[in-house]
Amino acid sequence: MEPWISIPISLLALGISIWTWKSTHKVGRYEKADELLLEIHKIELEHPEFHNPEWCKQALNHNDLKIRGSYDVFACIVWNFLETLYNRFGEKDLRKSAFYPAMKELSRQHREWFLKEPNVSSYNRQLIKFLLPKESGNKGI
């Protein structure tokens, strides 16, 4: 084969390989995020109270350390998941994704935990502005 023919064919093959890798990587990110969201929902099925924002507010200062501690761990898992999604996908992709409504709902449900110190200062400020725009303006976050 002539060199002038093989170079464009090689470049085309390289471009197709890069596109294929990017597509596969994107699907893999969605699959992993989907698995993590499924795990959160499984925990909610085992502990339906974690899905109740009023119960969650009460659990924050509950006298029973087991209740307070279990909710604290769960809320931390949720917010770590939300931050992971934000870091992996970014605002633009998240707004278009199927995860966006779930993110908004989870952040609403566990907002009170998040706004408590030291929790609020532990997370990405851009995530806070993205999920809790009203709070980010009011609390100096």
N, C-alpha and C. Protein backbone atom coordinates (compact mmCIF):
# COMPACT_ATOMS: atom_id res chain seq x y z
N MET A 1 0.85 -1.18 0.00
CA MET A 1 0.00 0.00 0.00
C MET A 1 0.90 1.25 0.00
N GLU A 2 0.47 2.22 -0.70
CA GLU A 2 1.22 3.47 -0.79
C GLU A 2 1.17 4.20 0.56
N PRO A 3 2.29 4.88 0.93
CA PRO A 3 2.30 5.61 2.22
C PRO A 3 1.25 6.70 2.30
N TRP A 4 0.96 7.35 1.21
CA TRP A 4 -0.01 8.44 1.26
C TRP A 4 -1.42 7.93 1.52
N ILE A 5 -1.67 6.64 1.27
CA ILE A 5 -2.97 6.05 1.54
C ILE A 5 -3.03 5.52 2.98
N SER A 6 -1.93 4.95 3.44
CA SER A 6 -1.93 4.33 4.77
C SER A 6 -2.02 5.35 5.91
N ILE A 7 -1.48 6.54 5.72
CA ILE A 7 -1.52 7.56 6.78
C ILE A 7 -2.95 8.00 7.06
N PRO A 8 -3.75 8.38 6.06
CA PRO A 8 -5.15 8.76 6.36
C PRO A 8 -5.97 7.61 6.96
N ILE A 9 -5.70 6.38 6.47
CA ILE A 9 -6.43 5.23 7.03
C ILE A 9 -6.05 5.02 8.49
N SER A 10 -4.76 5.18 8.81
CA SER A 10 -4.30 5.05 10.20
C SER A 10 -4.92 6.12 11.09
N LEU A 11 -4.97 7.34 10.58
CA LEU A 11 -5.57 8.44 11.35
C LEU A 11 -7.06 8.20 11.56
N LEU A 12 -7.73 7.70 10.56
CA LEU A 12 -9.15 7.37 10.69
C LEU A 12 -9.35 6.28 11.74
N ALA A 13 -8.52 5.26 11.71
CA ALA A 13 -8.60 4.17 12.70
C ALA A 13 -8.34 4.69 14.10
N LEU A 14 -7.37 5.59 14.24
CA LEU A 14 -7.08 6.18 15.54
C LEU A 14 -8.28 6.98 16.04
N GLY A 15 -8.89 7.77 15.16
CA GLY A 15 -10.08 8.55 15.54
C GLY A 15 -11.23 7.66 15.98
N ILE A 16 -11.45 6.58 15.25
CA ILE A 16 -12.52 5.64 15.62
C ILE A 16 -12.22 4.98 16.95
N SER A 17 -10.96 4.64 17.19
CA SER A 17 -10.57 4.03 18.47
C SER A 17 -10.81 4.98 19.64
N ILE A 18 -10.45 6.23 19.47
CA ILE A 18 -10.66 7.23 20.54
C ILE A 18 -12.15 7.41 20.79
N TRP A 19 -12.93 7.53 19.74
CA TRP A 19 -14.39 7.70 19.89
C TRP A 19 -14.99 6.49 20.61
N THR A 20 -14.56 5.28 20.24
CA THR A 20 -15.07 4.05 20.87
C THR A 20 -14.71 4.02 22.35
N TRP A 21 -13.46 4.39 22.67
CA TRP A 21 -13.03 4.39 24.07
C TRP A 21 -13.86 5.39 24.88
N LYS A 22 -14.06 6.59 24.34
CA LYS A 22 -14.85 7.61 25.05
C LYS A 22 -16.28 7.14 25.28
N SER A 23 -16.88 6.53 24.27
CA SER A 23 -18.26 6.04 24.39
C SER A 23 -18.36 4.94 25.45
N THR A 24 -17.42 4.02 25.43
CA THR A 24 -17.41 2.93 26.40
C THR A 24 -17.18 3.47 27.81
N HIS A 25 -16.27 4.43 27.94
CA HIS A 25 -15.98 5.03 29.24
C HIS A 25 -17.22 5.74 29.80
N LYS A 26 -17.94 6.44 28.94
CA LYS A 26 -19.14 7.16 29.37
C LYS A 26 -20.21 6.18 29.87
N VAL A 27 -20.40 5.09 29.13
CA VAL A 27 -21.38 4.07 29.53
C VAL A 27 -20.96 3.47 30.87
N GLY A 28 -19.67 3.22 31.05
CA GLY A 28 -19.17 2.66 32.30
C GLY A 28 -19.42 3.59 33.49
N ARG A 29 -19.25 4.89 33.27
CA ARG A 29 -19.52 5.86 34.35
C ARG A 29 -20.99 5.81 34.75
N TYR A 30 -21.88 5.75 33.77
CA TYR A 30 -23.31 5.69 34.06
C TYR A 30 -23.67 4.40 34.79
N GLU A 31 -23.08 3.29 34.36
CA GLU A 31 -23.38 2.01 35.01
C GLU A 31 -22.96 2.03 36.47
N LYS A 32 -21.77 2.54 36.75
CA LYS A 32 -21.28 2.59 38.14
C LYS A 32 -22.16 3.52 38.98
N ALA A 33 -22.50 4.66 38.44
CA ALA A 33 -23.36 5.59 39.18
C ALA A 33 -24.73 4.98 39.42
N ASP A 34 -25.25 4.26 38.44
CA ASP A 34 -26.54 3.58 38.58
C ASP A 34 -26.49 2.54 39.70
N GLU A 35 -25.39 1.80 39.77
CA GLU A 35 -25.22 0.80 40.83
C GLU A 35 -25.21 1.47 42.21
N LEU A 36 -24.53 2.59 42.32
CA LEU A 36 -24.46 3.30 43.61
C LEU A 36 -25.84 3.82 44.02
N LEU A 37 -26.59 4.35 43.06
CA LEU A 37 -27.94 4.83 43.36
C LEU A 37 -28.84 3.67 43.78
N LEU A 38 -28.68 2.54 43.13
CA LEU A 38 -29.45 1.35 43.50
C LEU A 38 -29.15 0.93 44.94
N GLU A 39 -27.89 1.00 45.35
CA GLU A 39 -27.52 0.66 46.72
C GLU A 39 -28.17 1.61 47.73
N ILE A 40 -28.23 2.88 47.39
CA ILE A 40 -28.90 3.85 48.27
C ILE A 40 -30.38 3.50 48.39
N HIS A 41 -31.02 3.16 47.28
CA HIS A 41 -32.44 2.79 47.32
C HIS A 41 -32.66 1.49 48.10
N LYS A 42 -31.73 0.58 48.03
CA LYS A 42 -31.84 -0.66 48.81
C LYS A 42 -31.81 -0.34 50.31
N ILE A 43 -30.93 0.56 50.69
CA ILE A 43 -30.87 0.96 52.11
C ILE A 43 -32.19 1.61 52.52
N GLU A 44 -32.74 2.44 51.63
CA GLU A 44 -34.02 3.09 51.93
C GLU A 44 -35.15 2.07 52.06
N LEU A 45 -35.08 1.00 51.28
CA LEU A 45 -36.09 -0.06 51.42
C LEU A 45 -35.97 -0.76 52.77
N GLU A 46 -34.75 -0.96 53.22
CA GLU A 46 -34.52 -1.59 54.53
C GLU A 46 -34.86 -0.64 55.67
N HIS A 47 -34.72 0.66 55.43
CA HIS A 47 -34.99 1.69 56.44
C HIS A 47 -35.87 2.78 55.82
N PRO A 48 -37.17 2.52 55.68
CA PRO A 48 -38.05 3.49 55.01
C PRO A 48 -38.05 4.86 55.68
N GLU A 49 -37.71 4.91 56.95
CA GLU A 49 -37.66 6.20 57.65
C GLU A 49 -36.64 7.14 57.02
N PHE A 50 -35.58 6.60 56.40
CA PHE A 50 -34.56 7.43 55.76
C PHE A 50 -35.12 8.18 54.55
N HIS A 51 -36.26 7.79 54.09
CA HIS A 51 -36.90 8.43 52.94
C HIS A 51 -37.88 9.53 53.38
N ASN A 52 -38.04 9.69 54.67
CA ASN A 52 -38.99 10.65 55.23
C ASN A 52 -38.23 11.87 55.76
N PRO A 53 -38.31 13.02 55.07
CA PRO A 53 -37.55 14.20 55.49
C PRO A 53 -37.84 14.65 56.93
N GLU A 54 -39.09 14.51 57.38
CA GLU A 54 -39.42 14.92 58.75
C GLU A 54 -38.72 14.02 59.77
N TRP A 55 -38.73 12.72 59.51
CA TRP A 55 -38.03 11.78 60.40
C TRP A 55 -36.54 12.11 60.41
N CYS A 56 -36.00 12.39 59.24
CA CYS A 56 -34.57 12.69 59.13
C CYS A 56 -34.20 13.93 59.95
N LYS A 57 -35.05 14.96 59.92
CA LYS A 57 -34.80 16.16 60.73
C LYS A 57 -34.76 15.82 62.21
N GLN A 58 -35.70 14.97 62.64
CA GLN A 58 -35.74 14.57 64.05
C GLN A 58 -34.54 13.70 64.42
N ALA A 59 -34.09 12.88 63.49
CA ALA A 59 -32.97 11.97 63.76
C ALA A 59 -31.66 12.73 63.98
N LEU A 60 -31.56 13.93 63.43
CA LEU A 60 -30.33 14.71 63.56
C LEU A 60 -29.94 14.95 65.01
N ASN A 61 -30.94 15.17 65.88
CA ASN A 61 -30.67 15.47 67.28
C ASN A 61 -31.35 14.47 68.21
N HIS A 62 -31.58 13.28 67.70
CA HIS A 62 -32.29 12.27 68.48
C HIS A 62 -31.47 11.85 69.70
N ASN A 63 -32.17 11.54 70.81
CA ASN A 63 -31.49 11.10 72.04
C ASN A 63 -30.85 9.72 71.88
N ASP A 64 -31.46 8.89 71.05
CA ASP A 64 -30.93 7.54 70.82
C ASP A 64 -29.76 7.63 69.86
N LEU A 65 -28.57 7.32 70.37
CA LEU A 65 -27.37 7.43 69.55
C LEU A 65 -27.37 6.48 68.36
N LYS A 66 -28.06 5.35 68.49
CA LYS A 66 -28.14 4.40 67.38
C LYS A 66 -28.92 5.01 66.21
N ILE A 67 -30.03 5.66 66.52
CA ILE A 67 -30.84 6.31 65.49
C ILE A 67 -30.06 7.46 64.86
N ARG A 68 -29.51 8.31 65.70
CA ARG A 68 -28.75 9.46 65.21
C ARG A 68 -27.55 9.01 64.38
N GLY A 69 -26.84 8.01 64.87
CA GLY A 69 -25.65 7.52 64.18
C GLY A 69 -25.96 6.85 62.86
N SER A 70 -27.01 6.03 62.83
CA SER A 70 -27.35 5.35 61.57
C SER A 70 -27.80 6.35 60.51
N TYR A 71 -28.57 7.34 60.93
CA TYR A 71 -28.98 8.35 59.96
C TYR A 71 -27.78 9.19 59.50
N ASP A 72 -26.89 9.51 60.41
CA ASP A 72 -25.70 10.29 60.08
C ASP A 72 -24.87 9.58 59.02
N VAL A 73 -24.69 8.29 59.19
CA VAL A 73 -23.92 7.50 58.21
C VAL A 73 -24.64 7.48 56.87
N PHE A 74 -25.95 7.25 56.90
CA PHE A 74 -26.70 7.20 55.64
C PHE A 74 -26.66 8.54 54.90
N ALA A 75 -26.88 9.63 55.61
CA ALA A 75 -26.87 10.95 54.97
C ALA A 75 -25.48 11.25 54.40
N CYS A 76 -24.46 10.84 55.08
CA CYS A 76 -23.09 11.02 54.58
C CYS A 76 -22.89 10.22 53.29
N ILE A 77 -23.40 9.00 53.25
CA ILE A 77 -23.33 8.18 52.03
C ILE A 77 -24.03 8.90 50.88
N VAL A 78 -25.21 9.42 51.16
CA VAL A 78 -25.99 10.12 50.12
C VAL A 78 -25.21 11.33 49.59
N TRP A 79 -24.71 12.17 50.47
CA TRP A 79 -24.02 13.37 50.02
C TRP A 79 -22.69 13.06 49.34
N ASN A 80 -22.02 12.00 49.78
CA ASN A 80 -20.80 11.58 49.08
C ASN A 80 -21.13 11.10 47.67
N PHE A 81 -22.26 10.39 47.54
CA PHE A 81 -22.72 9.95 46.22
C PHE A 81 -23.02 11.16 45.34
N LEU A 82 -23.72 12.14 45.88
CA LEU A 82 -24.06 13.34 45.11
C LEU A 82 -22.80 14.08 44.66
N GLU A 83 -21.83 14.18 45.55
CA GLU A 83 -20.59 14.85 45.18
C GLU A 83 -19.82 14.05 44.13
N THR A 84 -19.84 12.74 44.24
CA THR A 84 -19.19 11.88 43.25
C THR A 84 -19.82 12.08 41.87
N LEU A 85 -21.15 12.10 41.83
CA LEU A 85 -21.83 12.35 40.55
C LEU A 85 -21.43 13.71 39.97
N TYR A 86 -21.43 14.70 40.82
CA TYR A 86 -21.09 16.05 40.37
C TYR A 86 -19.66 16.09 39.82
N ASN A 87 -18.75 15.47 40.53
CA ASN A 87 -17.35 15.47 40.09
C ASN A 87 -17.13 14.67 38.81
N ARG A 88 -17.85 13.57 38.65
CA ARG A 88 -17.66 12.71 37.47
C ARG A 88 -18.31 13.27 36.22
N PHE A 89 -19.47 13.89 36.37
CA PHE A 89 -20.24 14.29 35.19
C PHE A 89 -20.25 15.79 34.94
N GLY A 90 -20.17 16.59 35.97
CA GLY A 90 -20.25 18.04 35.80
C GLY A 90 -21.69 18.50 35.64
N GLU A 91 -21.88 19.79 35.85
CA GLU A 91 -23.24 20.36 35.83
C GLU A 91 -23.96 20.16 34.51
N LYS A 92 -23.29 20.45 33.42
CA LYS A 92 -23.93 20.41 32.10
C LYS A 92 -24.49 19.02 31.80
N ASP A 93 -23.66 17.98 31.98
CA ASP A 93 -24.11 16.62 31.71
C ASP A 93 -25.16 16.16 32.71
N LEU A 94 -25.03 16.57 33.96
CA LEU A 94 -25.99 16.14 34.98
C LEU A 94 -27.38 16.71 34.72
N ARG A 95 -27.45 17.95 34.31
CA ARG A 95 -28.77 18.56 34.05
C ARG A 95 -29.53 17.80 32.97
N LYS A 96 -28.81 17.17 32.05
CA LYS A 96 -29.44 16.42 30.97
C LYS A 96 -29.64 14.95 31.33
N SER A 97 -29.07 14.51 32.43
CA SER A 97 -29.07 13.08 32.74
C SER A 97 -30.30 12.66 33.53
N ALA A 98 -30.49 11.36 33.58
CA ALA A 98 -31.57 10.78 34.38
C ALA A 98 -31.27 10.89 35.87
N PHE A 99 -30.04 11.19 36.22
CA PHE A 99 -29.66 11.30 37.64
C PHE A 99 -30.11 12.62 38.26
N TYR A 100 -30.33 13.63 37.43
CA TYR A 100 -30.63 14.96 37.97
C TYR A 100 -31.86 14.98 38.88
N PRO A 101 -32.99 14.41 38.47
CA PRO A 101 -34.15 14.42 39.39
C PRO A 101 -33.85 13.66 40.70
N ALA A 102 -33.12 12.56 40.60
CA ALA A 102 -32.77 11.80 41.81
C ALA A 102 -31.86 12.63 42.71
N MET A 103 -30.93 13.35 42.12
CA MET A 103 -30.03 14.20 42.90
C MET A 103 -30.80 15.30 43.63
N LYS A 104 -31.71 15.93 42.90
CA LYS A 104 -32.50 17.00 43.53
C LYS A 104 -33.33 16.46 44.69
N GLU A 105 -33.93 15.29 44.49
CA GLU A 105 -34.76 14.69 45.54
C GLU A 105 -33.92 14.28 46.74
N LEU A 106 -32.80 13.63 46.51
CA LEU A 106 -31.94 13.22 47.62
C LEU A 106 -31.40 14.42 48.38
N SER A 107 -31.03 15.45 47.66
CA SER A 107 -30.51 16.65 48.33
C SER A 107 -31.62 17.33 49.14
N ARG A 108 -32.84 17.30 48.63
CA ARG A 108 -33.97 17.89 49.37
C ARG A 108 -34.24 17.09 50.66
N GLN A 109 -34.25 15.77 50.52
CA GLN A 109 -34.56 14.91 51.66
C GLN A 109 -33.53 15.04 52.79
N HIS A 110 -32.27 15.23 52.43
CA HIS A 110 -31.21 15.22 53.43
C HIS A 110 -30.50 16.57 53.56
N ARG A 111 -31.24 17.60 53.21
CA ARG A 111 -30.75 18.98 53.25
C ARG A 111 -30.36 19.41 54.66
N GLU A 112 -31.19 19.08 55.63
CA GLU A 112 -30.93 19.51 57.01
C GLU A 112 -29.62 18.93 57.55
N TRP A 113 -29.36 17.67 57.24
CA TRP A 113 -28.10 17.06 57.67
C TRP A 113 -26.93 17.80 57.03
N PHE A 114 -27.07 18.07 55.76
CA PHE A 114 -26.00 18.70 55.01
C PHE A 114 -25.67 20.09 55.55
N LEU A 115 -26.70 20.85 55.91
CA LEU A 115 -26.49 22.23 56.34
C LEU A 115 -25.90 22.35 57.74
N LYS A 116 -25.86 21.25 58.48
CA LYS A 116 -25.24 21.27 59.82
C LYS A 116 -23.73 21.31 59.69
N GLU A 117 -23.10 22.03 60.58
CA GLU A 117 -21.64 21.99 60.63
C GLU A 117 -21.22 20.72 61.35
N PRO A 118 -20.16 20.10 61.00
CA PRO A 118 -19.15 20.47 60.01
C PRO A 118 -19.46 19.94 58.61
N ASN A 119 -20.64 19.37 58.43
CA ASN A 119 -20.96 18.74 57.15
C ASN A 119 -20.85 19.70 55.97
N VAL A 120 -21.49 20.84 56.08
CA VAL A 120 -21.58 21.77 54.95
C VAL A 120 -20.20 22.22 54.48
N SER A 121 -19.27 22.37 55.39
CA SER A 121 -17.95 22.85 54.98
C SER A 121 -17.07 21.74 54.43
N SER A 122 -17.58 20.52 54.42
CA SER A 122 -16.80 19.37 53.93
C SER A 122 -16.99 19.10 52.45
N TYR A 123 -17.90 19.81 51.82
CA TYR A 123 -18.25 19.49 50.44
C TYR A 123 -17.91 20.62 49.47
N ASN A 124 -17.82 20.26 48.23
CA ASN A 124 -17.49 21.15 47.12
C ASN A 124 -18.50 22.30 47.06
N ARG A 125 -18.00 23.52 47.05
CA ARG A 125 -18.89 24.69 47.03
C ARG A 125 -19.73 24.75 45.74
N GLN A 126 -19.18 24.29 44.64
CA GLN A 126 -19.93 24.29 43.39
C GLN A 126 -21.11 23.32 43.46
N LEU A 127 -20.90 22.19 44.14
CA LEU A 127 -22.00 21.23 44.34
C LEU A 127 -23.12 21.88 45.13
N ILE A 128 -22.77 22.63 46.15
CA ILE A 128 -23.76 23.31 46.98
C ILE A 128 -24.57 24.30 46.14
N LYS A 129 -23.89 25.07 45.33
CA LYS A 129 -24.58 26.04 44.47
C LYS A 129 -25.47 25.34 43.45
N PHE A 130 -25.03 24.18 42.99
CA PHE A 130 -25.78 23.42 42.00
C PHE A 130 -27.05 22.82 42.60
N LEU A 131 -26.94 22.20 43.77
CA LEU A 131 -28.08 21.50 44.36
C LEU A 131 -28.91 22.34 45.32
N LEU A 132 -28.27 23.29 45.99
CA LEU A 132 -28.98 24.10 46.99
C LEU A 132 -28.72 25.58 46.74
N PRO A 133 -29.18 26.10 45.63
CA PRO A 133 -28.85 27.49 45.29
C PRO A 133 -29.36 28.50 46.31
N LYS A 134 -30.53 28.27 46.89
CA LYS A 134 -31.06 29.23 47.87
C LYS A 134 -30.19 29.25 49.11
N GLU A 135 -29.79 28.07 49.59
CA GLU A 135 -28.98 27.99 50.79
C GLU A 135 -27.60 28.56 50.55
N SER A 136 -27.06 28.38 49.38
CA SER A 136 -25.70 28.87 49.12
C SER A 136 -25.67 30.41 49.16
N GLY A 137 -26.79 31.04 48.80
CA GLY A 137 -26.84 32.49 48.87
C GLY A 137 -27.12 32.99 50.28
N ASN A 138 -27.93 32.26 51.04
CA ASN A 138 -28.35 32.71 52.36
C ASN A 138 -27.35 32.41 53.46
N LYS A 139 -26.62 31.33 53.34
CA LYS A 139 -25.74 30.89 54.42
C LYS A 139 -24.29 31.30 54.20
N GLY A 140 -24.00 32.01 53.15
CA GLY A 140 -22.62 32.36 52.86
C GLY A 140 -21.77 31.17 52.49
N ILE A 141 -22.43 30.16 51.96
CA ILE A 141 -21.72 28.93 51.61
C ILE A 141 -20.91 29.17 50.35
